[in-house]
Amino acid sequence: MTQDEFRILITEVTDAIAGRSLDAALAQELNERFPADGKTFQAINQACHDAIAAGWMCDNEHGGIKFGRVVKQGPETAGFSVDVVHMQDVKGPHHRHPNGEIDMIMPITPTAKFDGHGAGWYVYGPDTAHHPTVTEGEALVLYLLPDGAIEFTKGA
């Protein structure tokens, strides 16, 4: 799995959500159109594991979290950037989503939850913020960020 192959694979999702409002309706649509047990979700999940094994995904580490931006925002991904994190029973740094955030939750431990959610999609709307947290095991989380926008906050 190369970075170019990964970018092409993720465009199936970004093309489907281009121009959409980031809200609960979008999360529901993603979970219906690209379910956790479906072909596209599983292909992206496997691609993430392959890319990690190849050494170019989640190649940074801080505070027990492995992470990295794997696709910069641009026209090929409808303006979304793609970040992937590998977390295990950890609370990450507080950050704000000026334009929202779409999370693809890929548990490695079957019981693992990201911000209380199991395998599938979760959407944070514009101007939301959180401490990304994985509980009950180990998970990969893919973040789609409109315009690549994320603001790490201090003291929250």
N, C-alpha and C. Protein backbone atom coordinates (compact mmCIF):
# COMPACT_ATOMS: atom_id res chain seq x y z
N MET A 1 0.85 -1.18 0.00
CA MET A 1 0.00 0.00 0.00
C MET A 1 0.89 1.25 0.00
N THR A 2 0.82 2.02 -1.06
CA THR A 2 1.57 3.27 -1.13
C THR A 2 0.66 4.44 -0.74
N GLN A 3 1.27 5.60 -0.53
CA GLN A 3 0.47 6.78 -0.19
C GLN A 3 -0.48 7.15 -1.33
N ASP A 4 -0.02 7.02 -2.57
CA ASP A 4 -0.90 7.32 -3.71
C ASP A 4 -2.06 6.34 -3.78
N GLU A 5 -1.80 5.06 -3.56
CA GLU A 5 -2.88 4.06 -3.56
C GLU A 5 -3.88 4.34 -2.45
N PHE A 6 -3.36 4.75 -1.29
CA PHE A 6 -4.24 5.05 -0.17
C PHE A 6 -5.12 6.26 -0.49
N ARG A 7 -4.52 7.30 -1.04
CA ARG A 7 -5.28 8.50 -1.40
C ARG A 7 -6.40 8.16 -2.38
N ILE A 8 -6.10 7.33 -3.37
CA ILE A 8 -7.12 6.92 -4.34
C ILE A 8 -8.23 6.14 -3.64
N LEU A 9 -7.87 5.25 -2.73
CA LEU A 9 -8.87 4.46 -2.00
C LEU A 9 -9.80 5.34 -1.18
N ILE A 10 -9.26 6.34 -0.49
CA ILE A 10 -10.08 7.18 0.39
C ILE A 10 -10.99 8.11 -0.40
N THR A 11 -10.69 8.35 -1.67
CA THR A 11 -11.54 9.26 -2.46
C THR A 11 -12.94 8.69 -2.67
N GLU A 12 -13.13 7.40 -2.54
CA GLU A 12 -14.49 6.87 -2.63
C GLU A 12 -15.36 7.49 -1.53
N VAL A 13 -14.78 7.67 -0.37
CA VAL A 13 -15.51 8.28 0.75
C VAL A 13 -15.58 9.79 0.58
N THR A 14 -14.45 10.44 0.30
CA THR A 14 -14.47 11.90 0.23
C THR A 14 -15.34 12.40 -0.93
N ASP A 15 -15.38 11.68 -2.04
CA ASP A 15 -16.26 12.08 -3.14
C ASP A 15 -17.73 12.00 -2.70
N ALA A 16 -18.07 11.00 -1.89
CA ALA A 16 -19.45 10.81 -1.45
C ALA A 16 -19.91 11.89 -0.46
N ILE A 17 -18.97 12.53 0.24
CA ILE A 17 -19.36 13.50 1.26
C ILE A 17 -19.02 14.93 0.90
N ALA A 18 -18.47 15.15 -0.28
CA ALA A 18 -18.08 16.49 -0.70
C ALA A 18 -19.25 17.46 -0.59
N GLY A 19 -19.01 18.59 0.06
CA GLY A 19 -20.00 19.64 0.16
C GLY A 19 -21.11 19.40 1.18
N ARG A 20 -21.05 18.31 1.89
CA ARG A 20 -22.10 17.97 2.87
C ARG A 20 -21.86 18.67 4.20
N SER A 21 -22.94 18.92 4.92
CA SER A 21 -22.84 19.44 6.28
C SER A 21 -22.33 18.34 7.19
N LEU A 22 -21.45 18.69 8.10
CA LEU A 22 -20.94 17.72 9.07
C LEU A 22 -21.87 17.69 10.27
N ASP A 23 -22.70 16.65 10.33
CA ASP A 23 -23.72 16.54 11.36
C ASP A 23 -24.10 15.08 11.55
N ALA A 24 -25.07 14.84 12.43
CA ALA A 24 -25.49 13.47 12.74
C ALA A 24 -26.06 12.76 11.50
N ALA A 25 -26.72 13.50 10.62
CA ALA A 25 -27.27 12.89 9.40
C ALA A 25 -26.15 12.34 8.53
N LEU A 26 -25.03 13.05 8.46
CA LEU A 26 -23.90 12.56 7.68
C LEU A 26 -23.32 11.30 8.31
N ALA A 27 -23.21 11.28 9.64
CA ALA A 27 -22.72 10.07 10.33
C ALA A 27 -23.61 8.89 10.02
N GLN A 28 -24.91 9.10 10.06
CA GLN A 28 -25.85 8.01 9.77
C GLN A 28 -25.67 7.53 8.33
N GLU A 29 -25.55 8.46 7.40
CA GLU A 29 -25.37 8.08 6.00
C GLU A 29 -24.07 7.30 5.79
N LEU A 30 -22.99 7.76 6.42
CA LEU A 30 -21.71 7.05 6.29
C LEU A 30 -21.83 5.64 6.85
N ASN A 31 -22.48 5.49 8.00
CA ASN A 31 -22.64 4.16 8.59
C ASN A 31 -23.52 3.25 7.74
N GLU A 32 -24.43 3.81 6.98
CA GLU A 32 -25.27 3.01 6.09
C GLU A 32 -24.56 2.70 4.77
N ARG A 33 -23.90 3.71 4.21
CA ARG A 33 -23.26 3.55 2.90
C ARG A 33 -21.93 2.80 2.98
N PHE A 34 -21.17 3.04 4.05
CA PHE A 34 -19.87 2.42 4.24
C PHE A 34 -19.83 1.75 5.62
N PRO A 35 -20.64 0.72 5.85
CA PRO A 35 -20.71 0.10 7.19
C PRO A 35 -19.39 -0.55 7.58
N ALA A 36 -19.20 -0.69 8.89
CA ALA A 36 -17.95 -1.25 9.42
C ALA A 36 -17.66 -2.64 8.88
N ASP A 37 -18.69 -3.41 8.56
CA ASP A 37 -18.46 -4.75 8.02
C ASP A 37 -18.52 -4.78 6.50
N GLY A 38 -18.56 -3.62 5.88
CA GLY A 38 -18.67 -3.54 4.43
C GLY A 38 -17.33 -3.52 3.72
N LYS A 39 -17.39 -3.67 2.41
CA LYS A 39 -16.20 -3.80 1.57
C LYS A 39 -15.28 -2.57 1.65
N THR A 40 -15.83 -1.37 1.50
CA THR A 40 -15.00 -0.16 1.50
C THR A 40 -14.35 0.07 2.85
N PHE A 41 -15.14 -0.01 3.93
CA PHE A 41 -14.60 0.18 5.28
C PHE A 41 -13.48 -0.82 5.53
N GLN A 42 -13.71 -2.07 5.21
CA GLN A 42 -12.71 -3.10 5.46
C GLN A 42 -11.47 -2.90 4.60
N ALA A 43 -11.64 -2.41 3.37
CA ALA A 43 -10.49 -2.15 2.51
C ALA A 43 -9.63 -1.02 3.08
N ILE A 44 -10.28 0.03 3.59
CA ILE A 44 -9.54 1.14 4.19
C ILE A 44 -8.85 0.66 5.47
N ASN A 45 -9.56 -0.10 6.28
CA ASN A 45 -8.99 -0.65 7.51
C ASN A 45 -7.73 -1.47 7.19
N GLN A 46 -7.83 -2.37 6.23
CA GLN A 46 -6.67 -3.20 5.86
C GLN A 46 -5.54 -2.34 5.30
N ALA A 47 -5.89 -1.34 4.50
CA ALA A 47 -4.88 -0.45 3.94
C ALA A 47 -4.13 0.29 5.05
N CYS A 48 -4.84 0.70 6.10
CA CYS A 48 -4.17 1.36 7.23
C CYS A 48 -3.17 0.41 7.90
N HIS A 49 -3.59 -0.81 8.14
CA HIS A 49 -2.68 -1.79 8.76
C HIS A 49 -1.48 -2.06 7.85
N ASP A 50 -1.72 -2.17 6.55
CA ASP A 50 -0.62 -2.40 5.61
C ASP A 50 0.34 -1.22 5.58
N ALA A 51 -0.20 -0.01 5.60
CA ALA A 51 0.63 1.20 5.57
C ALA A 51 1.44 1.36 6.86
N ILE A 52 0.85 1.00 7.98
CA ILE A 52 1.60 1.04 9.24
C ILE A 52 2.75 0.03 9.19
N ALA A 53 2.47 -1.15 8.68
CA ALA A 53 3.52 -2.18 8.55
C ALA A 53 4.61 -1.72 7.58
N ALA A 54 4.23 -0.95 6.55
CA ALA A 54 5.21 -0.44 5.59
C ALA A 54 6.02 0.72 6.16
N GLY A 55 5.54 1.30 7.28
CA GLY A 55 6.32 2.31 7.97
C GLY A 55 6.01 3.76 7.62
N TRP A 56 5.03 4.02 6.76
CA TRP A 56 4.78 5.42 6.40
C TRP A 56 3.50 5.98 7.05
N MET A 57 2.72 5.17 7.71
CA MET A 57 1.52 5.66 8.39
C MET A 57 1.73 5.52 9.89
N CYS A 58 1.25 6.51 10.65
CA CYS A 58 1.41 6.53 12.11
C CYS A 58 2.88 6.43 12.49
N ASP A 59 3.70 7.19 11.78
CA ASP A 59 5.15 7.12 11.99
C ASP A 59 5.67 8.15 13.00
N ASN A 60 4.77 8.92 13.61
CA ASN A 60 5.13 9.84 14.69
C ASN A 60 4.54 9.30 15.98
N GLU A 61 5.14 9.65 17.11
CA GLU A 61 4.59 9.20 18.39
C GLU A 61 4.80 10.27 19.45
N HIS A 62 3.75 10.45 20.25
CA HIS A 62 3.82 11.37 21.38
C HIS A 62 2.78 10.93 22.40
N GLY A 63 3.19 10.82 23.64
CA GLY A 63 2.26 10.49 24.72
C GLY A 63 1.55 9.16 24.54
N GLY A 64 2.21 8.20 23.91
CA GLY A 64 1.61 6.89 23.70
C GLY A 64 0.67 6.81 22.51
N ILE A 65 0.61 7.88 21.72
CA ILE A 65 -0.25 7.90 20.53
C ILE A 65 0.65 7.95 19.30
N LYS A 66 0.41 7.05 18.38
CA LYS A 66 1.10 7.08 17.09
C LYS A 66 0.17 7.76 16.10
N PHE A 67 0.72 8.64 15.27
CA PHE A 67 -0.14 9.47 14.43
C PHE A 67 0.58 9.97 13.20
N GLY A 68 -0.18 10.57 12.31
CA GLY A 68 0.39 11.24 11.16
C GLY A 68 -0.66 11.67 10.17
N ARG A 69 -0.37 12.77 9.49
CA ARG A 69 -1.21 13.22 8.38
C ARG A 69 -0.74 12.46 7.16
N VAL A 70 -1.63 11.69 6.57
CA VAL A 70 -1.23 10.82 5.46
C VAL A 70 -1.66 11.36 4.11
N VAL A 71 -2.63 12.27 4.10
CA VAL A 71 -3.06 12.92 2.86
C VAL A 71 -3.35 14.38 3.20
N LYS A 72 -2.71 15.28 2.48
CA LYS A 72 -3.01 16.70 2.66
C LYS A 72 -4.31 17.04 1.93
N GLN A 73 -4.99 18.07 2.45
CA GLN A 73 -6.23 18.47 1.79
C GLN A 73 -5.92 18.97 0.38
N GLY A 74 -6.87 18.70 -0.50
CA GLY A 74 -6.70 19.13 -1.87
C GLY A 74 -7.89 18.72 -2.71
N PRO A 75 -7.89 19.10 -3.97
CA PRO A 75 -9.04 18.80 -4.83
C PRO A 75 -9.30 17.31 -5.02
N GLU A 76 -8.25 16.49 -4.97
CA GLU A 76 -8.43 15.04 -5.15
C GLU A 76 -9.25 14.41 -4.03
N THR A 77 -9.24 15.04 -2.84
CA THR A 77 -9.99 14.51 -1.69
C THR A 77 -11.09 15.47 -1.26
N ALA A 78 -11.61 16.24 -2.20
CA ALA A 78 -12.71 17.17 -1.95
C ALA A 78 -12.40 18.13 -0.82
N GLY A 79 -11.12 18.48 -0.67
CA GLY A 79 -10.72 19.45 0.35
C GLY A 79 -10.47 18.87 1.73
N PHE A 80 -10.60 17.55 1.88
CA PHE A 80 -10.35 16.91 3.18
C PHE A 80 -8.90 16.50 3.30
N SER A 81 -8.34 16.67 4.49
CA SER A 81 -7.07 16.02 4.82
C SER A 81 -7.41 14.71 5.51
N VAL A 82 -6.42 13.82 5.56
CA VAL A 82 -6.61 12.52 6.20
C VAL A 82 -5.48 12.32 7.20
N ASP A 83 -5.86 12.15 8.47
CA ASP A 83 -4.93 11.81 9.53
C ASP A 83 -5.33 10.44 10.07
N VAL A 84 -4.35 9.67 10.53
CA VAL A 84 -4.64 8.38 11.15
C VAL A 84 -3.87 8.32 12.46
N VAL A 85 -4.56 7.85 13.52
CA VAL A 85 -3.93 7.68 14.82
C VAL A 85 -4.11 6.24 15.28
N HIS A 86 -3.14 5.78 16.05
CA HIS A 86 -3.19 4.46 16.68
C HIS A 86 -3.14 4.73 18.18
N MET A 87 -4.23 4.35 18.88
CA MET A 87 -4.35 4.66 20.31
C MET A 87 -4.75 3.42 21.07
N GLN A 88 -4.29 3.33 22.31
CA GLN A 88 -4.69 2.23 23.19
C GLN A 88 -4.90 2.77 24.59
N ASP A 89 -6.16 2.72 25.04
CA ASP A 89 -6.52 3.15 26.40
C ASP A 89 -5.80 4.44 26.78
N VAL A 90 -6.05 5.48 26.00
CA VAL A 90 -5.34 6.75 26.22
C VAL A 90 -6.26 7.92 25.86
N LYS A 91 -6.01 9.03 26.56
CA LYS A 91 -6.70 10.29 26.30
C LYS A 91 -5.73 11.20 25.57
N GLY A 92 -6.12 11.66 24.40
CA GLY A 92 -5.24 12.48 23.59
C GLY A 92 -5.36 13.97 23.90
N PRO A 93 -4.56 14.77 23.20
CA PRO A 93 -4.54 16.21 23.45
C PRO A 93 -5.83 16.89 22.97
N HIS A 94 -6.29 17.83 23.78
CA HIS A 94 -7.51 18.57 23.46
C HIS A 94 -7.30 19.36 22.17
N HIS A 95 -8.31 19.31 21.31
CA HIS A 95 -8.26 20.10 20.09
C HIS A 95 -9.65 20.51 19.65
N ARG A 96 -9.69 21.51 18.80
CA ARG A 96 -10.92 22.09 18.27
C ARG A 96 -10.99 21.81 16.78
N HIS A 97 -12.22 21.62 16.30
CA HIS A 97 -12.47 21.39 14.87
C HIS A 97 -13.18 22.61 14.30
N PRO A 98 -12.46 23.56 13.74
CA PRO A 98 -13.13 24.75 13.20
C PRO A 98 -14.20 24.42 12.16
N ASN A 99 -13.93 23.41 11.33
CA ASN A 99 -14.85 23.03 10.26
C ASN A 99 -15.50 21.67 10.48
N GLY A 100 -15.25 21.06 11.64
CA GLY A 100 -15.78 19.73 11.94
C GLY A 100 -14.73 18.66 11.71
N GLU A 101 -15.11 17.43 12.03
CA GLU A 101 -14.21 16.28 11.91
C GLU A 101 -15.06 15.02 11.70
N ILE A 102 -14.64 14.21 10.76
CA ILE A 102 -15.31 12.92 10.51
C ILE A 102 -14.35 11.83 10.96
N ASP A 103 -14.83 10.95 11.84
CA ASP A 103 -13.99 9.90 12.40
C ASP A 103 -14.42 8.53 11.89
N MET A 104 -13.47 7.79 11.38
CA MET A 104 -13.67 6.39 11.01
C MET A 104 -12.99 5.56 12.08
N ILE A 105 -13.79 4.86 12.87
CA ILE A 105 -13.29 4.15 14.06
C ILE A 105 -13.08 2.68 13.70
N MET A 106 -11.83 2.23 13.84
CA MET A 106 -11.45 0.87 13.45
C MET A 106 -10.84 0.15 14.66
N PRO A 107 -11.67 -0.46 15.49
CA PRO A 107 -11.13 -1.16 16.66
C PRO A 107 -10.18 -2.29 16.26
N ILE A 108 -9.09 -2.38 16.98
CA ILE A 108 -8.19 -3.54 16.85
C ILE A 108 -8.63 -4.55 17.90
N THR A 109 -8.85 -4.06 19.12
CA THR A 109 -9.49 -4.87 20.16
C THR A 109 -11.00 -4.74 19.91
N PRO A 110 -11.72 -5.83 19.73
CA PRO A 110 -13.14 -5.73 19.35
C PRO A 110 -13.99 -4.82 20.24
N THR A 111 -13.64 -4.70 21.52
CA THR A 111 -14.44 -3.88 22.44
C THR A 111 -14.01 -2.42 22.49
N ALA A 112 -12.93 -2.06 21.79
CA ALA A 112 -12.39 -0.70 21.87
C ALA A 112 -13.41 0.33 21.39
N LYS A 113 -13.39 1.47 22.08
CA LYS A 113 -14.29 2.56 21.74
C LYS A 113 -13.48 3.85 21.61
N PHE A 114 -13.89 4.67 20.68
CA PHE A 114 -13.32 6.00 20.50
C PHE A 114 -14.39 7.01 20.91
N ASP A 115 -14.10 7.79 21.92
CA ASP A 115 -15.07 8.75 22.45
C ASP A 115 -16.42 8.10 22.68
N GLY A 116 -16.39 6.85 23.17
CA GLY A 116 -17.61 6.12 23.50
C GLY A 116 -18.27 5.40 22.34
N HIS A 117 -17.66 5.43 21.15
CA HIS A 117 -18.26 4.83 19.96
C HIS A 117 -17.40 3.67 19.45
N GLY A 118 -18.06 2.58 19.07
CA GLY A 118 -17.37 1.43 18.51
C GLY A 118 -17.14 1.58 17.02
N ALA A 119 -16.89 0.48 16.35
CA ALA A 119 -16.57 0.47 14.92
C ALA A 119 -17.62 1.22 14.12
N GLY A 120 -17.14 2.05 13.21
CA GLY A 120 -18.03 2.80 12.34
C GLY A 120 -17.60 4.25 12.23
N TRP A 121 -18.57 5.10 11.94
CA TRP A 121 -18.33 6.51 11.67
C TRP A 121 -18.96 7.39 12.75
N TYR A 122 -18.27 8.45 13.10
CA TYR A 122 -18.81 9.45 14.01
C TYR A 122 -18.42 10.82 13.47
N VAL A 123 -19.31 11.78 13.58
CA VAL A 123 -19.06 13.11 13.02
C VAL A 123 -19.18 14.16 14.12
N TYR A 124 -18.15 15.01 14.20
CA TYR A 124 -18.19 16.21 15.04
C TYR A 124 -18.46 17.39 14.11
N GLY A 125 -19.44 18.21 14.46
CA GLY A 125 -19.77 19.38 13.65
C GLY A 125 -18.75 20.48 13.79
N PRO A 126 -18.91 21.53 13.00
CA PRO A 126 -18.02 22.68 13.08
C PRO A 126 -18.00 23.29 14.47
N ASP A 127 -16.85 23.80 14.85
CA ASP A 127 -16.62 24.50 16.11
C ASP A 127 -16.87 23.62 17.33
N THR A 128 -16.54 22.33 17.22
CA THR A 128 -16.60 21.42 18.35
C THR A 128 -15.17 21.16 18.83
N ALA A 129 -15.07 20.58 20.01
CA ALA A 129 -13.74 20.29 20.56
C ALA A 129 -13.84 19.08 21.47
N HIS A 130 -12.70 18.39 21.67
CA HIS A 130 -12.69 17.22 22.56
C HIS A 130 -11.27 16.78 22.86
N HIS A 131 -11.16 15.89 23.83
CA HIS A 131 -9.96 15.11 24.08
C HIS A 131 -10.22 13.77 23.41
N PRO A 132 -9.60 13.45 22.28
CA PRO A 132 -9.85 12.14 21.66
C PRO A 132 -9.41 11.04 22.62
N THR A 133 -10.30 10.09 22.86
CA THR A 133 -10.04 9.09 23.89
C THR A 133 -10.42 7.70 23.40
N VAL A 134 -9.49 6.77 23.53
CA VAL A 134 -9.79 5.36 23.24
C VAL A 134 -9.81 4.62 24.57
N THR A 135 -10.90 3.88 24.78
CA THR A 135 -11.07 3.07 25.98
C THR A 135 -11.32 1.62 25.57
N GLU A 136 -11.17 0.73 26.51
CA GLU A 136 -11.46 -0.69 26.34
C GLU A 136 -10.62 -1.37 25.26
N GLY A 137 -9.41 -0.86 25.05
CA GLY A 137 -8.51 -1.54 24.13
C GLY A 137 -7.80 -0.62 23.17
N GLU A 138 -7.57 -1.15 22.00
CA GLU A 138 -6.71 -0.54 20.99
C GLU A 138 -7.51 -0.29 19.72
N ALA A 139 -7.27 0.87 19.09
CA ALA A 139 -8.00 1.21 17.87
C ALA A 139 -7.17 2.10 16.96
N LEU A 140 -7.51 2.03 15.69
CA LEU A 140 -7.06 3.03 14.72
C LEU A 140 -8.25 3.95 14.49
N VAL A 141 -7.95 5.24 14.34
CA VAL A 141 -8.99 6.20 14.01
C VAL A 141 -8.47 7.05 12.85
N LEU A 142 -9.26 7.10 11.79
CA LEU A 142 -8.95 7.93 10.63
C LEU A 142 -9.80 9.19 10.75
N TYR A 143 -9.15 10.35 10.64
CA TYR A 143 -9.84 11.63 10.73
C TYR A 143 -9.87 12.29 9.36
N LEU A 144 -11.05 12.68 8.92
CA LEU A 144 -11.20 13.51 7.74
C LEU A 144 -11.48 14.93 8.23
N LEU A 145 -10.62 15.87 7.86
CA LEU A 145 -10.75 17.25 8.33
C LEU A 145 -10.97 18.17 7.13
N PRO A 146 -12.13 18.85 7.07
CA PRO A 146 -12.35 19.80 5.98
C PRO A 146 -11.27 20.89 6.00
N ASP A 147 -10.64 21.11 4.86
CA ASP A 147 -9.56 22.08 4.71
C ASP A 147 -8.38 21.79 5.61
N GLY A 148 -8.30 20.59 6.18
CA GLY A 148 -7.18 20.21 7.04
C GLY A 148 -7.16 20.96 8.35
N ALA A 149 -8.29 21.59 8.71
CA ALA A 149 -8.32 22.49 9.87
C ALA A 149 -8.45 21.75 11.19
N ILE A 150 -7.50 22.00 12.08
CA ILE A 150 -7.51 21.49 13.45
C ILE A 150 -6.71 22.47 14.29
N GLU A 151 -7.19 22.73 15.50
CA GLU A 151 -6.47 23.64 16.40
C GLU A 151 -6.27 22.96 17.73
N PHE A 152 -5.01 22.70 18.06
CA PHE A 152 -4.70 22.12 19.37
C PHE A 152 -4.77 23.23 20.40
N THR A 153 -5.42 22.94 21.52
CA THR A 153 -5.67 23.97 22.52
C THR A 153 -4.84 23.68 23.77
N LYS A 154 -4.57 24.72 24.51
CA LYS A 154 -3.77 24.59 25.74
C LYS A 154 -4.71 24.71 26.94
N GLY A 155 -4.47 23.90 27.94
CA GLY A 155 -5.15 24.04 29.20
C GLY A 155 -6.60 23.60 29.24
N ALA A 156 -7.10 22.99 28.19
CA ALA A 156 -8.51 22.55 28.19
C ALA A 156 -8.64 21.19 28.84
